[in-house]
Structure formats: structure tokens, C-alpha cells
Amino acid sequence: MTCPICGKPTATEYRPFCSRRCADVDLGRWLTESYRITADSEDEAEDGLPEPEDPKAH
């Protein structure tokens, strides 16, 4: 298995990364929202949950 950041062989201690540096680079990408999962519609992009029912409608 190779490190997803730099391509070097992984280290058991930092798996799936090769070093603490690459693990930190990956964490930084998550924290700055560099990794994104696209949604099919704008409604799903907000939270993926259905809209709450209006209590007055009953």
C-alpha cells in the first residue's frame, strides 16, 4: 500500500500514510474543505435530511 499523499510506502504507525507529515497534510485538507463530496441537488447539499413538517399543518 502506498501513501495517498506522496506515494511512498506506508508506515504501520501512520497507516495509511507514510509519516506524520502526510497525515497532517491530509487533515489540513479536510479542515480547509479541500475535499468535497458533491450533491445531486441544492437541498441535499445543505444537510441531506428531509424538511421538518409544519406543526400547524395538522
PDB file of N, CA and C in Angstrom:
ATOM      1  N   MET A   1       0.850  -1.171   0.000  1.00  0.00           N
ATOM      2  CA  MET A   1       0.000   0.000   0.000  1.00  0.00           C
ATOM      3  C   MET A   1       0.900   1.239   0.000  1.00  0.00           C
ATOM      4  N   THR A   2       0.476   2.244  -0.744  1.00  0.00           N
ATOM      5  CA  THR A   2       1.263   3.471  -0.798  1.00  0.00           C
ATOM      6  C   THR A   2       0.502   4.628  -0.163  1.00  0.00           C
ATOM      7  N   CYS A   3       1.236   5.611   0.279  1.00  0.00           N
ATOM      8  CA  CYS A   3       0.675   6.796   0.913  1.00  0.00           C
ATOM      9  C   CYS A   3      -0.170   7.565  -0.116  1.00  0.00           C
ATOM     10  N   PRO A   4      -1.405   7.931   0.235  1.00  0.00           N
ATOM     11  CA  PRO A   4      -2.250   8.655  -0.718  1.00  0.00           C
ATOM     12  C   PRO A   4      -1.787  10.095  -0.961  1.00  0.00           C
ATOM     13  N   ILE A   5      -0.895  10.607  -0.137  1.00  0.00           N
ATOM     14  CA  ILE A   5      -0.422  11.975  -0.300  1.00  0.00           C
ATOM     15  C   ILE A   5       0.820  12.035  -1.181  1.00  0.00           C
ATOM     16  N   CYS A   6       1.832  11.201  -0.869  1.00  0.00           N
ATOM     17  CA  CYS A   6       3.095  11.310  -1.608  1.00  0.00           C
ATOM     18  C   CYS A   6       3.469  10.069  -2.416  1.00  0.00           C
ATOM     19  N   GLY A   7       2.799   8.941  -2.181  1.00  0.00           N
ATOM     20  CA  GLY A   7       3.070   7.738  -2.958  1.00  0.00           C
ATOM     21  C   GLY A   7       4.156   6.832  -2.390  1.00  0.00           C
ATOM     22  N   LYS A   8       4.770   7.204  -1.264  1.00  0.00           N
ATOM     23  CA  LYS A   8       5.787   6.350  -0.628  1.00  0.00           C
ATOM     24  C   LYS A   8       5.108   5.183   0.081  1.00  0.00           C
ATOM     25  N   PRO A   9       5.870   4.130   0.404  1.00  0.00           N
ATOM     26  CA  PRO A   9       5.282   3.007   1.162  1.00  0.00           C
ATOM     27  C   PRO A   9       4.777   3.483   2.527  1.00  0.00           C
ATOM     28  N   THR A  10       3.676   2.881   2.982  1.00  0.00           N
ATOM     29  CA  THR A  10       3.083   3.303   4.249  1.00  0.00           C
ATOM     30  C   THR A  10       3.885   2.807   5.444  1.00  0.00           C
ATOM     31  N   ALA A  11       3.743   3.520   6.557  1.00  0.00           N
ATOM     32  CA  ALA A  11       4.334   3.116   7.823  1.00  0.00           C
ATOM     33  C   ALA A  11       3.203   2.643   8.721  1.00  0.00           C
ATOM     34  N   THR A  12       3.394   1.515   9.391  1.00  0.00           N
ATOM     35  CA  THR A  12       2.359   0.948  10.245  1.00  0.00           C
ATOM     36  C   THR A  12       1.845   1.970  11.254  1.00  0.00           C
ATOM     37  N   GLU A  13       2.719   2.745  11.814  1.00  0.00           N
ATOM     38  CA  GLU A  13       2.369   3.730  12.833  1.00  0.00           C
ATOM     39  C   GLU A  13       1.426   4.814  12.307  1.00  0.00           C
ATOM     40  N   TYR A  14       1.526   5.156  11.014  1.00  0.00           N
ATOM     41  CA  TYR A  14       0.744   6.256  10.433  1.00  0.00           C
ATOM     42  C   TYR A  14      -0.216   5.797   9.341  1.00  0.00           C
ATOM     43  N   ARG A  15      -0.426   4.508   9.221  1.00  0.00           N
ATOM     44  CA  ARG A  15      -1.228   3.954   8.154  1.00  0.00           C
ATOM     45  C   ARG A  15      -2.555   4.671   7.997  1.00  0.00           C
ATOM     46  N   PRO A  16      -2.983   5.041   6.844  1.00  0.00           N
ATOM     47  CA  PRO A  16      -2.494   4.671   5.515  1.00  0.00           C
ATOM     48  C   PRO A  16      -1.428   5.618   4.975  1.00  0.00           C
ATOM     49  N   PHE A  17      -0.853   6.451   5.829  1.00  0.00           N
ATOM     50  CA  PHE A  17       0.156   7.416   5.403  1.00  0.00           C
ATOM     51  C   PHE A  17       1.559   6.889   5.686  1.00  0.00           C
ATOM     52  N   CYS A  18       2.568   7.575   5.152  1.00  0.00           N
ATOM     53  CA  CYS A  18       3.953   7.156   5.359  1.00  0.00           C
ATOM     54  C   CYS A  18       4.591   7.873   6.546  1.00  0.00           C
ATOM     55  N   SER A  19       4.024   9.004   6.947  1.00  0.00           N
ATOM     56  CA  SER A  19       4.622   9.793   8.019  1.00  0.00           C
ATOM     57  C   SER A  19       3.589  10.690   8.672  1.00  0.00           C
ATOM     58  N   ARG A  20       3.980  11.268   9.775  1.00  0.00           N
ATOM     59  CA  ARG A  20       3.114  12.227  10.470  1.00  0.00           C
ATOM     60  C   ARG A  20       2.839  13.431   9.571  1.00  0.00           C
ATOM     61  N   ARG A  21       3.832  13.829   8.796  1.00  0.00           N
ATOM     62  CA  ARG A  21       3.682  14.982   7.900  1.00  0.00           C
ATOM     63  C   ARG A  21       2.550  14.752   6.913  1.00  0.00           C
ATOM     64  N   CYS A  22       2.527  13.600   6.261  1.00  0.00           N
ATOM     65  CA  CYS A  22       1.478  13.317   5.277  1.00  0.00           C
ATOM     66  C   CYS A  22       0.111  13.198   5.954  1.00  0.00           C
ATOM     67  N   ALA A  23       0.056  12.641   7.160  1.00  0.00           N
ATOM     68  CA  ALA A  23      -1.198  12.575   7.900  1.00  0.00           C
ATOM     69  C   ALA A  23      -1.698  13.986   8.195  1.00  0.00           C
ATOM     70  N   ASP A  24      -0.794  14.882   8.575  1.00  0.00           N
ATOM     71  CA  ASP A  24      -1.165  16.270   8.858  1.00  0.00           C
ATOM     72  C   ASP A  24      -1.606  17.014   7.599  1.00  0.00           C
ATOM     73  N   VAL A  25      -0.966  16.725   6.471  1.00  0.00           N
ATOM     74  CA  VAL A  25      -1.374  17.337   5.199  1.00  0.00           C
ATOM     75  C   VAL A  25      -2.809  16.918   4.886  1.00  0.00           C
ATOM     76  N   ASP A  26      -3.127  15.642   5.059  1.00  0.00           N
ATOM     77  CA  ASP A  26      -4.474  15.151   4.804  1.00  0.00           C
ATOM     78  C   ASP A  26      -5.477  15.811   5.748  1.00  0.00           C
ATOM     79  N   LEU A  27      -5.155  15.898   7.031  1.00  0.00           N
ATOM     80  CA  LEU A  27      -6.043  16.559   7.996  1.00  0.00           C
ATOM     81  C   LEU A  27      -6.278  18.015   7.606  1.00  0.00           C
ATOM     82  N   GLY A  28      -5.224  18.703   7.205  1.00  0.00           N
ATOM     83  CA  GLY A  28      -5.349  20.092   6.776  1.00  0.00           C
ATOM     84  C   GLY A  28      -6.275  20.242   5.586  1.00  0.00           C
ATOM     85  N   ARG A  29      -6.242  19.295   4.682  1.00  0.00           N
ATOM     86  CA  ARG A  29      -7.140  19.348   3.518  1.00  0.00           C
ATOM     87  C   ARG A  29      -8.593  19.177   3.934  1.00  0.00           C
ATOM     88  N   TRP A  30      -8.847  18.313   4.923  1.00  0.00           N
ATOM     89  CA  TRP A  30     -10.211  18.154   5.422  1.00  0.00           C
ATOM     90  C   TRP A  30     -10.659  19.428   6.131  1.00  0.00           C
ATOM     91  N   LEU A  31      -9.792  20.000   6.959  1.00  0.00           N
ATOM     92  CA  LEU A  31     -10.171  21.176   7.740  1.00  0.00           C
ATOM     93  C   LEU A  31     -10.398  22.418   6.881  1.00  0.00           C
ATOM     94  N   THR A  32      -9.697  22.523   5.765  1.00  0.00           N
ATOM     95  CA  THR A  32      -9.896  23.670   4.866  1.00  0.00           C
ATOM     96  C   THR A  32     -10.938  23.377   3.789  1.00  0.00           C
ATOM     97  N   GLU A  33     -11.599  22.222   3.919  1.00  0.00           N
ATOM     98  CA  GLU A  33     -12.642  21.780   2.991  1.00  0.00           C
ATOM     99  C   GLU A  33     -12.144  21.625   1.557  1.00  0.00           C
ATOM    100  N   SER A  34     -10.894  21.208   1.405  1.00  0.00           N
ATOM    101  CA  SER A  34     -10.369  20.920   0.071  1.00  0.00           C
ATOM    102  C   SER A  34     -10.997  19.654  -0.496  1.00  0.00           C
ATOM    103  N   TYR A  35     -11.361  18.715   0.389  1.00  0.00           N
ATOM    104  CA  TYR A  35     -12.063  17.507  -0.033  1.00  0.00           C
ATOM    105  C   TYR A  35     -13.552  17.807   0.030  1.00  0.00           C
ATOM    106  N   ARG A  36     -14.263  17.502  -1.048  1.00  0.00           N
ATOM    107  CA  ARG A  36     -15.701  17.750  -1.093  1.00  0.00           C
ATOM    108  C   ARG A  36     -16.416  16.578  -1.743  1.00  0.00           C
ATOM    109  N   ILE A  37     -17.614  16.355  -1.289  1.00  0.00           N
ATOM    110  CA  ILE A  37     -18.489  15.363  -1.898  1.00  0.00           C
ATOM    111  C   ILE A  37     -19.636  16.141  -2.511  1.00  0.00           C
ATOM    112  N   THR A  38     -19.808  16.002  -3.816  1.00  0.00           N
ATOM    113  CA  THR A  38     -20.844  16.772  -4.500  1.00  0.00           C
ATOM    114  C   THR A  38     -22.208  16.132  -4.281  1.00  0.00           C
ATOM    115  N   ALA A  39     -23.235  16.962  -4.208  1.00  0.00           N
ATOM    116  CA  ALA A  39     -24.611  16.504  -4.043  1.00  0.00           C
ATOM    117  C   ALA A  39     -25.348  16.659  -5.371  1.00  0.00           C
ATOM    118  N   ASP A  40     -26.406  15.874  -5.541  1.00  0.00           N
ATOM    119  CA  ASP A  40     -27.192  15.934  -6.772  1.00  0.00           C
ATOM    120  C   ASP A  40     -28.027  17.208  -6.853  1.00  0.00           C
ATOM    121  N   SER A  41     -28.491  17.696  -5.710  1.00  0.00           N
ATOM    122  CA  SER A  41     -29.310  18.896  -5.725  1.00  0.00           C
ATOM    123  C   SER A  41     -28.906  19.818  -4.585  1.00  0.00           C
ATOM    124  N   GLU A  42     -29.383  21.042  -4.642  1.00  0.00           N
ATOM    125  CA  GLU A  42     -29.050  22.031  -3.615  1.00  0.00           C
ATOM    126  C   GLU A  42     -29.609  21.626  -2.253  1.00  0.00           C
ATOM    127  N   ASP A  43     -30.800  21.015  -2.221  1.00  0.00           N
ATOM    128  CA  ASP A  43     -31.399  20.581  -0.957  1.00  0.00           C
ATOM    129  C   ASP A  43     -30.529  19.551  -0.257  1.00  0.00           C
ATOM    130  N   GLU A  44     -29.985  18.597  -1.006  1.00  0.00           N
ATOM    131  CA  GLU A  44     -29.138  17.570  -0.427  1.00  0.00           C
ATOM    132  C   GLU A  44     -27.824  18.153   0.066  1.00  0.00           C
ATOM    133  N   ALA A  45     -27.370  19.210  -0.550  1.00  0.00           N
ATOM    134  CA  ALA A  45     -26.094  19.805  -0.177  1.00  0.00           C
ATOM    135  C   ALA A  45     -26.140  20.417   1.219  1.00  0.00           C
ATOM    136  N   GLU A  46     -27.306  20.870   1.658  1.00  0.00           N
ATOM    137  CA  GLU A  46     -27.400  21.520   2.961  1.00  0.00           C
ATOM    138  C   GLU A  46     -27.136  20.546   4.094  1.00  0.00           C
ATOM    139  N   ASP A  47     -27.900  19.458   4.186  1.00  0.00           N
ATOM    140  CA  ASP A  47     -27.660  18.509   5.265  1.00  0.00           C
ATOM    141  C   ASP A  47     -28.088  17.089   4.933  1.00  0.00           C
ATOM    142  N   GLY A  48     -28.740  16.898   3.832  1.00  0.00           N
ATOM    143  CA  GLY A  48     -29.147  15.568   3.424  1.00  0.00           C
ATOM    144  C   GLY A  48     -30.355  15.032   4.191  1.00  0.00           C
ATOM    145  N   LEU A  49     -30.952  15.831   5.070  1.00  0.00           N
ATOM    146  CA  LEU A  49     -32.096  15.395   5.847  1.00  0.00           C
ATOM    147  C   LEU A  49     -33.380  15.935   5.241  1.00  0.00           C
ATOM    148  N   PRO A  50     -34.476  15.218   5.425  1.00  0.00           N
ATOM    149  CA  PRO A  50     -35.749  15.723   4.897  1.00  0.00           C
ATOM    150  C   PRO A  50     -36.185  16.966   5.654  1.00  0.00           C
ATOM    151  N   GLU A  51     -37.001  17.777   5.011  1.00  0.00           N
ATOM    152  CA  GLU A  51     -37.507  19.004   5.634  1.00  0.00           C
ATOM    153  C   GLU A  51     -38.449  18.621   6.787  1.00  0.00           C
ATOM    154  N   PRO A  52     -38.392  19.346   7.909  1.00  0.00           N
ATOM    155  CA  PRO A  52     -39.316  19.053   9.003  1.00  0.00           C
ATOM    156  C   PRO A  52     -40.742  19.432   8.624  1.00  0.00           C
ATOM    157  N   GLU A  53     -41.699  18.711   9.197  1.00  0.00           N
ATOM    158  CA  GLU A  53     -43.100  19.002   8.912  1.00  0.00           C
ATOM    159  C   GLU A  53     -43.534  20.252   9.662  1.00  0.00           C
ATOM    160  N   ASP A  54     -44.473  20.957   9.078  1.00  0.00           N
ATOM    161  CA  ASP A  54     -45.035  22.147   9.715  1.00  0.00           C
ATOM    162  C   ASP A  54     -46.064  21.691  10.748  1.00  0.00           C
ATOM    163  N   PRO A  55     -45.838  21.985  12.060  1.00  0.00           N
ATOM    164  CA  PRO A  55     -46.789  21.518  13.095  1.00  0.00           C
ATOM    165  C   PRO A  55     -48.174  22.137  12.937  1.00  0.00           C
ATOM    166  N   LYS A  56     -48.312  23.276  12.295  1.00  0.00           N
ATOM    167  CA  LYS A  56     -49.609  23.936  12.102  1.00  0.00           C
ATOM    168  C   LYS A  56     -50.437  23.232  11.030  1.00  0.00           C
ATOM    169  N   ALA A  57     -49.815  22.422  10.212  1.00  0.00           N
ATOM    170  CA  ALA A  57     -50.495  21.767   9.108  1.00  0.00           C
ATOM    171  C   ALA A  57     -51.410  20.640   9.594  1.00  0.00           C
ATOM    172  N   HIS A  58     -51.279  20.181  10.818  1.00  0.00           N
ATOM    173  CA  HIS A  58     -52.100  19.072  11.324  1.00  0.00           C
ATOM    174  C   HIS A  58     -53.349  19.541  11.935  1.00  0.00           C
TER     175      HIS A  58
END
